[in-house]
Amino acid sequence: MASFKLGQLVRQFSTSSVSRALVNPPIQVYGIEGRYATALFSAAAKEKKLDAVENEIKSFQNLLRKDVHLTQYILNPSLQRQEKKAVLGDVLTKQKMSSLLINLCVTMAENGRLNKLQGVLGAYQKMMSAHRGEVTCTVTTAKPLDSGNLKDLQSALQGFLKKGESLQLECQVDPSLIGGMVVNIGDKYVDMSMATKIKNYTNLIKEAV
């Protein structure tokens, strides 16, 4: 398997004559997905195509959702890497995708990393969200919030934001929480669920016995 080096990947992505220094995204995403997404973000930033690449990623994701056979082909570990590289490059070229996205995909095919592709595409989108000053917040409750509670929650969450940032709120329902809520905002995690409180109280009782 070819060894992965971020600098080499960036050079593969961009043929621009501008500085080869890495353009760091506004947030860091760890792991293999984060490294490839960072390389793509850097290359797209140098060519001033950040938004264009994000739009291409959305189109590609839609294609993968609709074309189950293509997705299965990409994820099939028994197929040769060079074959996948050629097929995927041809598909993306016919879809009129930019060389940035094509080079990302064929490089991942060559390195046997296509099983990480969806994660890489998602990581790039997270970087772009942060680039626009969007702060994603996921709130999970035992039952749907009514309009009054939702408005109060949004007002409270605004306190976490810095100047120029905007809140992107996603509400989820998980009856197993019993009551209360779990909040994920940026890199912060707050568990105020009744289920967790009951668990903590039960553990205290066990320790006391």
N, C-alpha and C. Protein backbone atom coordinates (compact mmCIF):
# COMPACT_ATOMS: atom_id res chain seq x y z
N MET A 1 0.85 -1.20 0.00
CA MET A 1 0.00 0.00 0.00
C MET A 1 0.89 1.25 0.00
N ALA A 2 0.58 2.18 -0.82
CA ALA A 2 1.38 3.40 -0.89
C ALA A 2 1.26 4.16 0.41
N SER A 3 2.40 4.68 0.92
CA SER A 3 2.35 5.46 2.15
C SER A 3 1.71 6.80 1.87
N PHE A 4 1.01 7.33 2.87
CA PHE A 4 0.27 8.58 2.69
C PHE A 4 1.06 9.73 3.29
N LYS A 5 1.35 10.74 2.51
CA LYS A 5 1.98 11.96 2.99
C LYS A 5 1.17 13.14 2.50
N LEU A 6 0.76 13.99 3.45
CA LEU A 6 -0.13 15.09 3.14
C LEU A 6 0.44 16.01 2.08
N GLY A 7 1.73 16.33 2.20
CA GLY A 7 2.35 17.23 1.24
C GLY A 7 2.31 16.67 -0.17
N GLN A 8 2.57 15.37 -0.29
CA GLN A 8 2.55 14.72 -1.61
C GLN A 8 1.15 14.78 -2.20
N LEU A 9 0.14 14.56 -1.35
CA LEU A 9 -1.23 14.56 -1.83
C LEU A 9 -1.64 15.95 -2.30
N VAL A 10 -1.24 16.97 -1.55
CA VAL A 10 -1.55 18.34 -1.96
C VAL A 10 -0.94 18.63 -3.32
N ARG A 11 0.30 18.20 -3.52
CA ARG A 11 0.95 18.44 -4.82
C ARG A 11 0.23 17.71 -5.94
N GLN A 12 -0.33 16.54 -5.63
CA GLN A 12 -1.09 15.81 -6.64
C GLN A 12 -2.38 16.54 -6.99
N PHE A 13 -2.97 17.21 -6.00
CA PHE A 13 -4.24 17.89 -6.22
C PHE A 13 -4.09 19.16 -7.04
N SER A 14 -3.03 19.90 -6.82
CA SER A 14 -2.93 21.23 -7.41
C SER A 14 -1.73 21.37 -8.33
N THR A 15 -1.99 21.90 -9.51
CA THR A 15 -0.91 22.15 -10.47
C THR A 15 -0.59 23.64 -10.50
N SER A 16 -1.19 24.39 -9.55
CA SER A 16 -0.99 25.83 -9.50
C SER A 16 0.45 26.16 -9.19
N SER A 17 0.92 27.31 -9.67
CA SER A 17 2.30 27.73 -9.44
C SER A 17 2.42 28.55 -8.16
N VAL A 18 1.28 28.73 -7.42
CA VAL A 18 1.34 29.49 -6.18
C VAL A 18 2.06 28.69 -5.12
N SER A 19 2.29 29.33 -3.97
CA SER A 19 3.02 28.71 -2.88
C SER A 19 2.47 27.33 -2.54
N ARG A 20 3.40 26.41 -2.24
CA ARG A 20 2.99 25.05 -1.90
C ARG A 20 2.64 24.91 -0.42
N ALA A 21 2.75 25.98 0.35
CA ALA A 21 2.45 25.91 1.78
C ALA A 21 1.00 25.47 1.97
N LEU A 22 0.79 24.63 2.98
CA LEU A 22 -0.54 24.10 3.25
C LEU A 22 -1.46 25.19 3.79
N VAL A 23 -2.67 25.27 3.24
CA VAL A 23 -3.68 26.19 3.75
C VAL A 23 -4.51 25.41 4.77
N ASN A 24 -4.38 25.78 6.02
CA ASN A 24 -5.06 25.04 7.07
C ASN A 24 -6.55 25.40 7.12
N PRO A 25 -7.41 24.42 7.28
CA PRO A 25 -8.85 24.68 7.40
C PRO A 25 -9.14 25.32 8.75
N PRO A 26 -10.33 25.91 8.93
CA PRO A 26 -10.67 26.57 10.19
C PRO A 26 -10.85 25.62 11.37
N ILE A 27 -11.12 24.37 11.09
CA ILE A 27 -11.20 23.36 12.15
C ILE A 27 -10.35 22.16 11.74
N GLN A 28 -9.89 21.43 12.72
CA GLN A 28 -9.08 20.24 12.44
C GLN A 28 -9.93 18.99 12.57
N VAL A 29 -9.88 18.16 11.56
CA VAL A 29 -10.56 16.86 11.60
C VAL A 29 -9.47 15.79 11.62
N TYR A 30 -9.57 14.90 12.58
CA TYR A 30 -8.50 13.93 12.79
C TYR A 30 -8.69 12.66 11.96
N GLY A 31 -7.66 11.85 11.93
CA GLY A 31 -7.70 10.58 11.23
C GLY A 31 -7.42 10.70 9.74
N ILE A 32 -7.53 9.57 9.06
CA ILE A 32 -7.28 9.53 7.62
C ILE A 32 -8.23 10.45 6.88
N GLU A 33 -9.51 10.46 7.30
CA GLU A 33 -10.50 11.31 6.64
C GLU A 33 -10.08 12.78 6.74
N GLY A 34 -9.62 13.17 7.92
CA GLY A 34 -9.20 14.55 8.12
C GLY A 34 -8.01 14.94 7.27
N ARG A 35 -7.08 14.03 7.09
CA ARG A 35 -5.87 14.33 6.31
C ARG A 35 -6.21 14.56 4.84
N TYR A 36 -7.02 13.67 4.29
CA TYR A 36 -7.40 13.83 2.88
C TYR A 36 -8.26 15.08 2.69
N ALA A 37 -9.19 15.31 3.61
CA ALA A 37 -10.06 16.48 3.50
C ALA A 37 -9.25 17.77 3.63
N THR A 38 -8.25 17.77 4.51
CA THR A 38 -7.39 18.94 4.67
C THR A 38 -6.60 19.21 3.40
N ALA A 39 -6.11 18.15 2.78
CA ALA A 39 -5.37 18.31 1.53
C ALA A 39 -6.27 18.88 0.44
N LEU A 40 -7.51 18.39 0.38
CA LEU A 40 -8.46 18.90 -0.62
C LEU A 40 -8.81 20.35 -0.34
N PHE A 41 -9.04 20.68 0.93
CA PHE A 41 -9.37 22.06 1.32
C PHE A 41 -8.23 23.00 0.94
N SER A 42 -7.01 22.58 1.22
CA SER A 42 -5.84 23.41 0.92
C SER A 42 -5.71 23.66 -0.58
N ALA A 43 -5.84 22.59 -1.36
CA ALA A 43 -5.71 22.72 -2.81
C ALA A 43 -6.83 23.58 -3.38
N ALA A 44 -8.06 23.40 -2.88
CA ALA A 44 -9.20 24.19 -3.36
C ALA A 44 -9.06 25.66 -2.98
N ALA A 45 -8.53 25.91 -1.78
CA ALA A 45 -8.34 27.29 -1.34
C ALA A 45 -7.33 28.01 -2.23
N LYS A 46 -6.26 27.33 -2.60
CA LYS A 46 -5.24 27.94 -3.45
C LYS A 46 -5.78 28.29 -4.83
N GLU A 47 -6.72 27.48 -5.30
CA GLU A 47 -7.30 27.74 -6.62
C GLU A 47 -8.60 28.55 -6.54
N LYS A 48 -8.93 28.98 -5.30
CA LYS A 48 -10.15 29.78 -5.05
C LYS A 48 -11.41 29.03 -5.54
N LYS A 49 -11.45 27.75 -5.19
CA LYS A 49 -12.57 26.91 -5.63
C LYS A 49 -13.22 26.18 -4.46
N LEU A 50 -13.16 26.77 -3.28
CA LEU A 50 -13.72 26.11 -2.10
C LEU A 50 -15.21 25.82 -2.27
N ASP A 51 -15.97 26.83 -2.67
CA ASP A 51 -17.42 26.65 -2.84
C ASP A 51 -17.74 25.71 -3.99
N ALA A 52 -16.98 25.83 -5.08
CA ALA A 52 -17.23 24.99 -6.26
C ALA A 52 -17.02 23.52 -5.91
N VAL A 53 -15.96 23.22 -5.16
CA VAL A 53 -15.69 21.84 -4.77
C VAL A 53 -16.77 21.32 -3.83
N GLU A 54 -17.25 22.17 -2.93
CA GLU A 54 -18.33 21.75 -2.03
C GLU A 54 -19.59 21.39 -2.82
N ASN A 55 -19.91 22.17 -3.83
CA ASN A 55 -21.07 21.87 -4.67
C ASN A 55 -20.88 20.57 -5.43
N GLU A 56 -19.65 20.32 -5.90
CA GLU A 56 -19.36 19.07 -6.59
C GLU A 56 -19.52 17.88 -5.64
N ILE A 57 -19.08 18.06 -4.41
CA ILE A 57 -19.20 16.99 -3.42
C ILE A 57 -20.66 16.64 -3.18
N LYS A 58 -21.51 17.65 -3.10
CA LYS A 58 -22.95 17.40 -2.91
C LYS A 58 -23.52 16.62 -4.09
N SER A 59 -23.10 16.99 -5.29
CA SER A 59 -23.57 16.28 -6.49
C SER A 59 -23.08 14.84 -6.49
N PHE A 60 -21.83 14.66 -6.09
CA PHE A 60 -21.25 13.32 -6.05
C PHE A 60 -21.96 12.46 -5.01
N GLN A 61 -22.27 13.04 -3.85
CA GLN A 61 -22.98 12.31 -2.81
C GLN A 61 -24.37 11.89 -3.28
N ASN A 62 -25.02 12.78 -4.01
CA ASN A 62 -26.34 12.44 -4.57
C ASN A 62 -26.23 11.29 -5.56
N LEU A 63 -25.17 11.31 -6.37
CA LEU A 63 -24.94 10.25 -7.34
C LEU A 63 -24.74 8.91 -6.63
N LEU A 64 -23.95 8.92 -5.56
CA LEU A 64 -23.68 7.69 -4.82
C LEU A 64 -24.94 7.15 -4.14
N ARG A 65 -25.81 8.07 -3.69
CA ARG A 65 -27.07 7.63 -3.08
C ARG A 65 -28.00 6.99 -4.11
N LYS A 66 -28.01 7.55 -5.31
CA LYS A 66 -28.90 7.05 -6.34
C LYS A 66 -28.36 5.80 -7.03
N ASP A 67 -27.06 5.76 -7.23
CA ASP A 67 -26.43 4.65 -7.96
C ASP A 67 -25.83 3.66 -6.96
N VAL A 68 -26.65 2.72 -6.52
CA VAL A 68 -26.22 1.74 -5.52
C VAL A 68 -25.09 0.87 -6.06
N HIS A 69 -25.16 0.54 -7.34
CA HIS A 69 -24.13 -0.32 -7.95
C HIS A 69 -22.76 0.36 -7.94
N LEU A 70 -22.73 1.66 -8.18
CA LEU A 70 -21.47 2.40 -8.14
C LEU A 70 -20.90 2.39 -6.73
N THR A 71 -21.76 2.60 -5.75
CA THR A 71 -21.31 2.60 -4.35
C THR A 71 -20.76 1.23 -3.97
N GLN A 72 -21.46 0.18 -4.36
CA GLN A 72 -21.01 -1.18 -4.05
C GLN A 72 -19.68 -1.47 -4.75
N TYR A 73 -19.54 -0.98 -5.97
CA TYR A 73 -18.31 -1.18 -6.73
C TYR A 73 -17.13 -0.52 -6.01
N ILE A 74 -17.35 0.71 -5.57
CA ILE A 74 -16.29 1.47 -4.90
C ILE A 74 -15.85 0.76 -3.62
N LEU A 75 -16.80 0.18 -2.90
CA LEU A 75 -16.49 -0.42 -1.60
C LEU A 75 -16.07 -1.89 -1.69
N ASN A 76 -16.12 -2.47 -2.87
CA ASN A 76 -15.76 -3.88 -3.04
C ASN A 76 -14.24 -4.06 -2.89
N PRO A 77 -13.79 -4.72 -1.82
CA PRO A 77 -12.34 -4.85 -1.58
C PRO A 77 -11.66 -5.86 -2.49
N SER A 78 -12.43 -6.67 -3.21
CA SER A 78 -11.82 -7.71 -4.05
C SER A 78 -11.37 -7.18 -5.41
N LEU A 79 -11.78 -5.96 -5.76
CA LEU A 79 -11.43 -5.40 -7.07
C LEU A 79 -10.07 -4.71 -7.03
N GLN A 80 -9.40 -4.73 -8.15
CA GLN A 80 -8.07 -4.13 -8.27
C GLN A 80 -8.15 -2.61 -8.12
N ARG A 81 -7.16 -2.06 -7.45
CA ARG A 81 -7.13 -0.61 -7.23
C ARG A 81 -7.04 0.17 -8.54
N GLN A 82 -6.22 -0.31 -9.44
CA GLN A 82 -6.04 0.41 -10.71
C GLN A 82 -7.33 0.40 -11.53
N GLU A 83 -8.09 -0.68 -11.42
CA GLU A 83 -9.37 -0.76 -12.13
C GLU A 83 -10.34 0.26 -11.54
N LYS A 84 -10.42 0.32 -10.21
CA LYS A 84 -11.29 1.28 -9.55
C LYS A 84 -10.87 2.71 -9.90
N LYS A 85 -9.58 2.94 -9.91
CA LYS A 85 -9.06 4.27 -10.23
C LYS A 85 -9.52 4.71 -11.61
N ALA A 86 -9.42 3.82 -12.59
CA ALA A 86 -9.79 4.15 -13.96
C ALA A 86 -11.29 4.37 -14.09
N VAL A 87 -12.08 3.48 -13.48
CA VAL A 87 -13.54 3.59 -13.58
C VAL A 87 -14.05 4.85 -12.88
N LEU A 88 -13.55 5.10 -11.68
CA LEU A 88 -14.01 6.25 -10.91
C LEU A 88 -13.60 7.55 -11.60
N GLY A 89 -12.40 7.57 -12.14
CA GLY A 89 -11.95 8.76 -12.87
C GLY A 89 -12.82 9.03 -14.08
N ASP A 90 -13.21 7.95 -14.77
CA ASP A 90 -14.06 8.10 -15.96
C ASP A 90 -15.46 8.59 -15.58
N VAL A 91 -16.01 8.05 -14.49
CA VAL A 91 -17.35 8.46 -14.03
C VAL A 91 -17.36 9.94 -13.67
N LEU A 92 -16.36 10.38 -12.92
CA LEU A 92 -16.32 11.77 -12.48
C LEU A 92 -16.04 12.72 -13.64
N THR A 93 -15.26 12.27 -14.58
CA THR A 93 -14.99 13.10 -15.76
C THR A 93 -16.27 13.31 -16.57
N LYS A 94 -17.06 12.25 -16.72
CA LYS A 94 -18.33 12.36 -17.44
C LYS A 94 -19.31 13.26 -16.70
N GLN A 95 -19.18 13.32 -15.36
CA GLN A 95 -20.02 14.18 -14.55
C GLN A 95 -19.51 15.63 -14.54
N LYS A 96 -18.42 15.86 -15.29
CA LYS A 96 -17.81 17.19 -15.42
C LYS A 96 -17.33 17.75 -14.08
N MET A 97 -16.79 16.87 -13.25
CA MET A 97 -16.21 17.29 -11.99
C MET A 97 -14.84 17.90 -12.23
N SER A 98 -14.39 18.73 -11.30
CA SER A 98 -13.10 19.39 -11.44
C SER A 98 -11.96 18.40 -11.20
N SER A 99 -10.78 18.79 -11.63
CA SER A 99 -9.61 17.94 -11.43
C SER A 99 -9.31 17.75 -9.94
N LEU A 100 -9.72 18.71 -9.11
CA LEU A 100 -9.47 18.60 -7.67
C LEU A 100 -10.20 17.39 -7.08
N LEU A 101 -11.48 17.27 -7.36
CA LEU A 101 -12.25 16.15 -6.83
C LEU A 101 -11.84 14.85 -7.50
N ILE A 102 -11.59 14.89 -8.79
CA ILE A 102 -11.17 13.69 -9.51
C ILE A 102 -9.85 13.17 -8.94
N ASN A 103 -8.89 14.08 -8.73
CA ASN A 103 -7.59 13.68 -8.21
C ASN A 103 -7.71 13.12 -6.79
N LEU A 104 -8.61 13.69 -6.00
CA LEU A 104 -8.83 13.16 -4.66
C LEU A 104 -9.28 11.70 -4.74
N CYS A 105 -10.29 11.45 -5.56
CA CYS A 105 -10.88 10.11 -5.64
C CYS A 105 -9.92 9.08 -6.24
N VAL A 106 -9.22 9.45 -7.29
CA VAL A 106 -8.30 8.47 -7.90
C VAL A 106 -7.10 8.21 -7.00
N THR A 107 -6.68 9.23 -6.24
CA THR A 107 -5.59 9.03 -5.29
C THR A 107 -6.02 8.09 -4.18
N MET A 108 -7.25 8.26 -3.70
CA MET A 108 -7.75 7.37 -2.66
C MET A 108 -7.92 5.95 -3.20
N ALA A 109 -8.33 5.83 -4.45
CA ALA A 109 -8.45 4.51 -5.07
C ALA A 109 -7.09 3.84 -5.17
N GLU A 110 -6.11 4.60 -5.58
CA GLU A 110 -4.75 4.09 -5.74
C GLU A 110 -4.17 3.65 -4.39
N ASN A 111 -4.52 4.37 -3.33
CA ASN A 111 -4.00 4.06 -2.00
C ASN A 111 -4.87 3.09 -1.23
N GLY A 112 -5.93 2.58 -1.88
CA GLY A 112 -6.81 1.63 -1.20
C GLY A 112 -7.60 2.23 -0.06
N ARG A 113 -8.01 3.49 -0.21
CA ARG A 113 -8.70 4.20 0.86
C ARG A 113 -10.14 4.57 0.51
N LEU A 114 -10.72 3.98 -0.50
CA LEU A 114 -12.08 4.37 -0.90
C LEU A 114 -13.13 4.05 0.15
N ASN A 115 -12.81 3.16 1.08
CA ASN A 115 -13.75 2.88 2.17
C ASN A 115 -13.88 4.09 3.10
N LYS A 116 -12.97 5.06 2.97
CA LYS A 116 -13.00 6.28 3.78
C LYS A 116 -13.58 7.47 3.01
N LEU A 117 -14.02 7.22 1.78
CA LEU A 117 -14.43 8.32 0.89
C LEU A 117 -15.56 9.16 1.47
N GLN A 118 -16.62 8.50 1.94
CA GLN A 118 -17.76 9.25 2.49
C GLN A 118 -17.32 10.09 3.68
N GLY A 119 -16.45 9.56 4.50
CA GLY A 119 -15.94 10.30 5.65
C GLY A 119 -15.14 11.52 5.23
N VAL A 120 -14.37 11.39 4.16
CA VAL A 120 -13.57 12.51 3.65
C VAL A 120 -14.49 13.62 3.11
N LEU A 121 -15.50 13.22 2.34
CA LEU A 121 -16.43 14.20 1.79
C LEU A 121 -17.17 14.93 2.90
N GLY A 122 -17.57 14.18 3.93
CA GLY A 122 -18.25 14.79 5.07
C GLY A 122 -17.33 15.72 5.84
N ALA A 123 -16.06 15.35 5.98
CA ALA A 123 -15.10 16.18 6.70
C ALA A 123 -14.87 17.50 5.98
N TYR A 124 -14.82 17.45 4.65
CA TYR A 124 -14.65 18.69 3.87
C TYR A 124 -15.84 19.61 4.10
N GLN A 125 -17.03 19.04 4.14
CA GLN A 125 -18.23 19.85 4.36
C GLN A 125 -18.23 20.48 5.75
N LYS A 126 -17.72 19.77 6.74
CA LYS A 126 -17.59 20.34 8.08
C LYS A 126 -16.62 21.53 8.07
N MET A 127 -15.53 21.38 7.33
CA MET A 127 -14.56 22.47 7.22
C MET A 127 -15.17 23.69 6.56
N MET A 128 -15.97 23.44 5.53
CA MET A 128 -16.62 24.55 4.83
C MET A 128 -17.66 25.23 5.71
N SER A 129 -18.35 24.45 6.52
CA SER A 129 -19.33 25.03 7.44
C SER A 129 -18.63 25.95 8.43
N ALA A 130 -17.49 25.50 8.96
CA ALA A 130 -16.72 26.34 9.87
C ALA A 130 -16.14 27.55 9.15
N HIS A 131 -15.77 27.36 7.89
CA HIS A 131 -15.23 28.45 7.07
C HIS A 131 -16.25 29.58 6.92
N ARG A 132 -17.53 29.23 6.88
CA ARG A 132 -18.60 30.23 6.77
C ARG A 132 -19.03 30.79 8.12
N GLY A 133 -18.40 30.30 9.19
CA GLY A 133 -18.75 30.77 10.52
C GLY A 133 -19.95 30.07 11.10
N GLU A 134 -20.31 28.94 10.54
CA GLU A 134 -21.45 28.19 11.04
C GLU A 134 -21.01 27.28 12.19
N VAL A 135 -21.77 27.27 13.25
CA VAL A 135 -21.50 26.39 14.39
C VAL A 135 -22.63 25.38 14.47
N THR A 136 -22.31 24.12 14.23
CA THR A 136 -23.32 23.08 14.25
C THR A 136 -23.63 22.65 15.68
N CYS A 137 -24.91 22.58 15.98
CA CYS A 137 -25.34 22.15 17.30
C CYS A 137 -26.42 21.09 17.14
N THR A 138 -26.24 19.97 17.82
CA THR A 138 -27.23 18.90 17.82
C THR A 138 -27.81 18.77 19.22
N VAL A 139 -29.12 18.90 19.30
CA VAL A 139 -29.81 18.77 20.59
C VAL A 139 -30.73 17.56 20.51
N THR A 140 -30.53 16.63 21.44
CA THR A 140 -31.35 15.41 21.48
C THR A 140 -32.22 15.43 22.73
N THR A 141 -33.52 15.25 22.54
CA THR A 141 -34.47 15.25 23.64
C THR A 141 -35.34 13.99 23.58
N ALA A 142 -36.03 13.71 24.68
CA ALA A 142 -36.86 12.50 24.74
C ALA A 142 -38.10 12.63 23.87
N LYS A 143 -38.57 13.86 23.69
CA LYS A 143 -39.72 14.11 22.82
C LYS A 143 -39.52 15.46 22.13
N PRO A 144 -40.19 15.71 21.03
CA PRO A 144 -39.98 16.95 20.28
C PRO A 144 -40.23 18.19 21.14
N LEU A 145 -39.42 19.22 20.93
CA LEU A 145 -39.59 20.48 21.66
C LEU A 145 -40.73 21.28 21.05
N ASP A 146 -41.52 21.94 21.90
CA ASP A 146 -42.54 22.83 21.35
C ASP A 146 -41.89 24.15 20.95
N SER A 147 -42.61 25.00 20.27
CA SER A 147 -42.05 26.23 19.71
C SER A 147 -41.46 27.14 20.78
N GLY A 148 -42.12 27.20 21.97
CA GLY A 148 -41.63 28.06 23.04
C GLY A 148 -40.30 27.59 23.59
N ASN A 149 -40.20 26.28 23.87
CA ASN A 149 -38.94 25.72 24.38
C ASN A 149 -37.83 25.81 23.35
N LEU A 150 -38.19 25.62 22.08
CA LEU A 150 -37.19 25.70 21.02
C LEU A 150 -36.61 27.11 20.92
N LYS A 151 -37.48 28.11 21.04
CA LYS A 151 -37.04 29.51 20.98
C LYS A 151 -36.12 29.83 22.15
N ASP A 152 -36.49 29.35 23.37
CA ASP A 152 -35.64 29.58 24.55
C ASP A 152 -34.29 28.90 24.39
N LEU A 153 -34.31 27.69 23.83
CA LEU A 153 -33.06 26.94 23.63
C LEU A 153 -32.15 27.67 22.66
N GLN A 154 -32.70 28.15 21.55
CA GLN A 154 -31.90 28.88 20.58
C GLN A 154 -31.27 30.12 21.20
N SER A 155 -32.02 30.82 22.02
CA SER A 155 -31.50 32.02 22.68
C SER A 155 -30.34 31.66 23.62
N ALA A 156 -30.49 30.56 24.36
CA ALA A 156 -29.44 30.13 25.28
C ALA A 156 -28.18 29.71 24.52
N LEU A 157 -28.36 29.02 23.39
CA LEU A 157 -27.21 28.54 22.62
C LEU A 157 -26.44 29.68 21.96
N GLN A 158 -27.11 30.80 21.71
CA GLN A 158 -26.43 31.94 21.12
C GLN A 158 -25.26 32.41 21.99
N GLY A 159 -25.36 32.12 23.29
CA GLY A 159 -24.30 32.53 24.21
C GLY A 159 -22.99 31.81 23.98
N PHE A 160 -23.03 30.69 23.28
CA PHE A 160 -21.82 29.94 22.98
C PHE A 160 -21.08 30.48 21.75
N LEU A 161 -21.76 31.33 20.99
CA LEU A 161 -21.20 31.77 19.72
C LEU A 161 -20.30 33.00 19.86
N LYS A 162 -19.33 33.07 18.97
CA LYS A 162 -18.46 34.23 18.89
C LYS A 162 -19.01 35.19 17.82
N LYS A 163 -18.48 36.38 17.80
CA LYS A 163 -18.91 37.37 16.83
C LYS A 163 -18.68 36.84 15.41
N GLY A 164 -19.71 36.96 14.57
CA GLY A 164 -19.59 36.52 13.18
C GLY A 164 -20.01 35.08 12.96
N GLU A 165 -20.28 34.35 14.05
CA GLU A 165 -20.70 32.95 13.91
C GLU A 165 -22.23 32.86 13.86
N SER A 166 -22.72 31.82 13.20
CA SER A 166 -24.16 31.59 13.12
C SER A 166 -24.47 30.17 13.57
N LEU A 167 -25.62 29.99 14.18
CA LEU A 167 -26.01 28.70 14.75
C LEU A 167 -26.73 27.85 13.71
N GLN A 168 -26.30 26.60 13.56
CA GLN A 168 -26.97 25.63 12.71
C GLN A 168 -27.50 24.54 13.63
N LEU A 169 -28.78 24.65 14.00
CA LEU A 169 -29.35 23.77 15.01
C LEU A 169 -30.08 22.57 14.38
N GLU A 170 -29.76 21.40 14.90
CA GLU A 170 -30.44 20.17 14.49
C GLU A 170 -31.03 19.51 15.72
N CYS A 171 -32.32 19.27 15.70
CA CYS A 171 -33.00 18.64 16.84
C CYS A 171 -33.31 17.17 16.53
N GLN A 172 -32.99 16.32 17.48
CA GLN A 172 -33.24 14.88 17.34
C GLN A 172 -34.05 14.40 18.53
N VAL A 173 -34.73 13.28 18.35
CA VAL A 173 -35.55 12.70 19.42
C VAL A 173 -35.07 11.29 19.74
N ASP A 174 -34.85 11.05 21.04
CA ASP A 174 -34.44 9.73 21.52
C ASP A 174 -35.21 9.45 22.82
N PRO A 175 -36.30 8.67 22.73
CA PRO A 175 -37.13 8.40 23.91
C PRO A 175 -36.38 7.78 25.08
N SER A 176 -35.24 7.11 24.78
CA SER A 176 -34.50 6.45 25.85
C SER A 176 -33.89 7.44 26.84
N LEU A 177 -33.85 8.73 26.49
CA LEU A 177 -33.32 9.74 27.40
C LEU A 177 -34.26 9.99 28.57
N ILE A 178 -35.52 9.61 28.41
CA ILE A 178 -36.58 9.76 29.42
C ILE A 178 -37.00 11.22 29.57
N GLY A 179 -36.04 12.09 29.80
CA GLY A 179 -36.31 13.52 29.92
C GLY A 179 -35.01 14.29 29.81
N GLY A 180 -35.08 15.62 29.88
CA GLY A 180 -33.87 16.43 29.75
C GLY A 180 -33.38 16.46 28.32
N MET A 181 -32.07 16.71 28.14
CA MET A 181 -31.52 16.80 26.79
C MET A 181 -30.02 16.56 26.79
N VAL A 182 -29.52 16.23 25.61
CA VAL A 182 -28.08 16.10 25.36
C VAL A 182 -27.72 17.12 24.29
N VAL A 183 -26.70 17.93 24.55
CA VAL A 183 -26.33 19.01 23.64
C VAL A 183 -24.91 18.82 23.14
N ASN A 184 -24.74 18.82 21.83
CA ASN A 184 -23.42 18.84 21.20
C ASN A 184 -23.31 20.14 20.41
N ILE A 185 -22.39 21.02 20.82
CA ILE A 185 -22.19 22.27 20.09
C ILE A 185 -20.70 22.52 19.95
N GLY A 186 -20.25 22.59 18.70
CA GLY A 186 -18.83 22.74 18.46
C GLY A 186 -18.08 21.56 19.06
N ASP A 187 -17.11 21.86 19.93
CA ASP A 187 -16.36 20.79 20.59
C ASP A 187 -16.86 20.55 22.01
N LYS A 188 -18.05 21.10 22.34
CA LYS A 188 -18.60 20.96 23.68
C LYS A 188 -19.71 19.90 23.70
N TYR A 189 -19.78 19.18 24.81
CA TYR A 189 -20.77 18.12 24.98
C TYR A 189 -21.37 18.25 26.38
N VAL A 190 -22.68 18.38 26.45
CA VAL A 190 -23.36 18.52 27.75
C VAL A 190 -24.50 17.50 27.80
N ASP A 191 -24.44 16.61 28.80
CA ASP A 191 -25.47 15.59 28.97
C ASP A 191 -26.33 15.97 30.17
N MET A 192 -27.54 16.44 29.92
CA MET A 192 -28.48 16.81 30.97
C MET A 192 -29.71 15.90 30.93
N SER A 193 -29.53 14.70 30.43
CA SER A 193 -30.66 13.78 30.27
C SER A 193 -31.02 13.12 31.59
N MET A 194 -32.29 12.79 31.75
CA MET A 194 -32.77 12.10 32.94
C MET A 194 -32.18 10.70 33.02
N ALA A 195 -31.98 10.07 31.87
CA ALA A 195 -31.43 8.71 31.86
C ALA A 195 -30.04 8.68 32.48
N THR A 196 -29.21 9.68 32.16
CA THR A 196 -27.86 9.74 32.71
C THR A 196 -27.89 10.04 34.20
N LYS A 197 -28.80 10.93 34.62
CA LYS A 197 -28.92 11.24 36.04
C LYS A 197 -29.31 9.99 36.84
N ILE A 198 -30.27 9.22 36.30
CA ILE A 198 -30.70 7.99 36.97
C ILE A 198 -29.53 7.00 37.07
N LYS A 199 -28.77 6.90 35.99
CA LYS A 199 -27.61 6.00 35.97
C LYS A 199 -26.59 6.41 37.03
N ASN A 200 -26.34 7.74 37.11
CA ASN A 200 -25.38 8.24 38.10
C ASN A 200 -25.86 7.98 39.52
N TYR A 201 -27.15 8.21 39.76
CA TYR A 201 -27.71 7.97 41.09
C TYR A 201 -27.64 6.48 41.43
N THR A 202 -27.92 5.65 40.47
CA THR A 202 -27.86 4.18 40.70
C THR A 202 -26.45 3.75 41.05
N ASN A 203 -25.45 4.30 40.35
CA ASN A 203 -24.06 3.97 40.65
C ASN A 203 -23.67 4.43 42.05
N LEU A 204 -24.17 5.59 42.47
CA LEU A 204 -23.88 6.09 43.83
C LEU A 204 -24.47 5.18 44.87
N ILE A 205 -25.70 4.69 44.63
CA ILE A 205 -26.35 3.78 45.56
C ILE A 205 -25.58 2.47 45.68
N LYS A 206 -25.10 1.97 44.52
CA LYS A 206 -24.33 0.72 44.51
C LYS A 206 -23.04 0.87 45.30
N GLU A 207 -22.40 2.04 45.15
CA GLU A 207 -21.14 2.28 45.84
C GLU A 207 -21.35 2.39 47.34
N ALA A 208 -22.54 2.87 47.71
CA ALA A 208 -22.81 3.07 49.14
C ALA A 208 -23.18 1.77 49.85
N VAL A 209 -23.64 0.79 49.06
CA VAL A 209 -24.08 -0.47 49.66
C VAL A 209 -22.86 -1.31 50.10
